[in-house]
């Protein structure tokens, strides 16, 4: 994202909420032992969303450097989330304590919502 591009913060916030809801609805996220890969990526998305929520929309719109930098970081993290949600190599599973020979199936809902978030 260049400094000239504007991100619709409200649209991004809504899409991120939908992605978090999709993670929380995944059957392997159930307590007491959620799948470690699902838990890791959901936590990553929640932390990214918290960063977005810390941005003052008026400061962002006025060109505030810190606000724009934070939104740029959120956009990058969302693109990374989409890449990770579509990982089939088993490397994500190794990083998160899962079984690399049997990586978690994020399912079409999480994959689609991760892609939608990355495209905002």
Protein backbone atom coordinates (compact mmCIF):
# COMPACT_ATOMS: atom_id res chain seq x y z
CA UNK A 1 0.00 0.00 0.00
CA UNK A 2 1.51 3.30 -0.98
CA UNK A 3 1.01 6.37 1.14
CA UNK A 4 -1.37 7.63 -1.57
CA UNK A 5 -3.81 4.71 -1.27
CA UNK A 6 -6.68 4.90 1.16
CA UNK A 7 -8.09 1.90 2.95
CA UNK A 8 -11.73 1.89 3.99
CA UNK A 9 -11.15 1.26 7.70
CA UNK A 10 -14.82 0.49 8.40
CA UNK A 11 -14.95 -2.09 5.60
CA UNK A 12 -11.68 -3.65 6.74
CA UNK A 13 -12.94 -3.79 10.33
CA UNK A 14 -16.14 -5.54 9.22
CA UNK A 15 -14.26 -8.08 7.08
CA UNK A 16 -11.84 -8.83 9.91
CA UNK A 17 -14.75 -9.41 12.32
CA UNK A 18 -16.24 -11.87 9.82
CA UNK A 19 -12.91 -13.71 9.60
CA UNK A 20 -12.61 -13.93 13.39
CA UNK A 21 -16.18 -15.27 13.59
CA UNK A 22 -15.31 -17.90 10.96
CA UNK A 23 -12.29 -19.00 13.01
CA UNK A 24 -14.36 -19.17 16.19
CA UNK A 25 -17.04 -21.25 14.42
CA UNK A 26 -14.54 -23.81 13.10
CA UNK A 27 -15.25 -27.18 14.77
CA UNK A 28 -11.59 -27.70 15.70
CA UNK A 29 -11.48 -24.43 17.67
CA UNK A 30 -13.65 -25.88 20.44
CA UNK A 31 -12.35 -25.74 24.00
CA UNK A 32 -10.64 -27.18 25.95
CA UNK A 33 -8.06 -28.10 23.30
CA UNK A 34 -8.39 -26.09 20.11
CA UNK A 35 -6.20 -27.14 17.21
CA UNK A 36 -2.85 -25.34 17.70
CA UNK A 37 -2.62 -24.07 14.12
CA UNK A 38 -6.17 -22.69 14.16
CA UNK A 39 -5.56 -21.12 17.56
CA UNK A 40 -2.29 -19.51 16.41
CA UNK A 41 -3.72 -18.02 13.24
CA UNK A 42 -6.91 -16.85 14.96
CA UNK A 43 -4.80 -15.15 17.62
CA UNK A 44 -2.69 -13.53 14.89
CA UNK A 45 -5.85 -12.17 13.23
CA UNK A 46 -7.26 -10.94 16.57
CA UNK A 47 -4.01 -9.11 17.37
CA UNK A 48 -4.01 -7.59 13.89
CA UNK A 49 -7.62 -6.51 14.36
CA UNK A 50 -6.73 -4.89 17.69
CA UNK A 51 -4.04 -2.89 15.88
CA UNK A 52 -6.63 -1.70 13.38
CA UNK A 53 -9.03 -0.73 16.18
CA UNK A 54 -6.29 1.43 17.72
CA UNK A 55 -6.27 3.67 14.63
CA UNK A 56 -8.24 6.89 14.83
CA UNK A 57 -10.13 7.12 11.52
CA UNK A 58 -9.95 10.92 11.49
CA UNK A 59 -6.19 10.89 11.98
CA UNK A 60 -5.85 8.29 9.23
CA UNK A 61 -8.00 10.37 6.87
CA UNK A 62 -5.95 13.47 7.61
CA UNK A 63 -2.75 11.66 6.64
CA UNK A 64 -1.28 11.07 10.10
CA UNK A 65 1.96 9.13 9.57
CA UNK A 66 1.55 6.75 12.53
CA UNK A 67 -2.07 5.96 11.67
CA UNK A 68 -1.18 5.26 8.04
CA UNK A 69 1.81 3.16 9.07
CA UNK A 70 -0.40 1.07 11.38
CA UNK A 71 -2.99 0.50 8.66
CA UNK A 72 -0.23 -0.46 6.23
CA UNK A 73 1.02 -3.02 8.77
CA UNK A 74 -2.53 -4.39 9.19
CA UNK A 75 -2.90 -4.75 5.41
CA UNK A 76 0.40 -6.64 5.20
CA UNK A 77 -0.51 -8.93 8.09
CA UNK A 78 -3.87 -9.66 6.46
CA UNK A 79 -2.14 -10.63 3.22
CA UNK A 80 0.15 -12.93 5.22
CA UNK A 81 -2.90 -14.47 6.92
CA UNK A 82 -4.35 -15.33 3.52
CA UNK A 83 -1.08 -16.99 2.50
CA UNK A 84 -0.95 -18.99 5.73
CA UNK A 85 -4.59 -20.07 5.52
CA UNK A 86 -3.83 -21.56 2.12
CA UNK A 87 -0.56 -23.27 3.13
CA UNK A 88 -0.39 -26.89 2.07
CA UNK A 89 3.31 -27.49 2.72
CA UNK A 90 2.93 -28.40 6.39
CA UNK A 91 5.35 -25.63 7.41
CA UNK A 92 2.63 -23.68 9.21
CA UNK A 93 1.73 -26.82 11.15
CA UNK A 94 5.38 -27.26 12.19
CA UNK A 95 5.55 -23.66 13.38
CA UNK A 96 2.39 -23.99 15.46
CA UNK A 97 2.78 -27.40 17.05
CA UNK A 98 0.52 -29.23 14.62
CA UNK A 99 1.22 -32.37 12.63
CA UNK A 100 2.97 -31.37 9.37
CA UNK A 101 1.91 -34.63 7.72
CA UNK A 102 -1.72 -33.80 8.51
CA UNK A 103 -2.14 -30.00 8.40
CA UNK A 104 -5.44 -28.52 9.56
CA UNK A 105 -8.13 -27.92 6.96
CA UNK A 106 -9.16 -24.31 7.43
CA UNK A 107 -12.19 -24.95 5.25
CA UNK A 108 -13.66 -22.84 2.48
CA UNK A 109 -15.22 -20.24 4.81
CA UNK A 110 -11.97 -19.20 6.53
CA UNK A 111 -10.04 -19.32 3.25
CA UNK A 112 -12.61 -17.13 1.48
CA UNK A 113 -12.82 -14.64 4.33
CA UNK A 114 -9.01 -14.49 4.63
CA UNK A 115 -8.83 -13.75 0.91
CA UNK A 116 -11.53 -11.08 1.21
CA UNK A 117 -9.67 -9.40 4.08
CA UNK A 118 -6.44 -9.43 2.08
CA UNK A 119 -8.18 -7.73 -0.83
CA UNK A 120 -9.60 -4.76 1.13
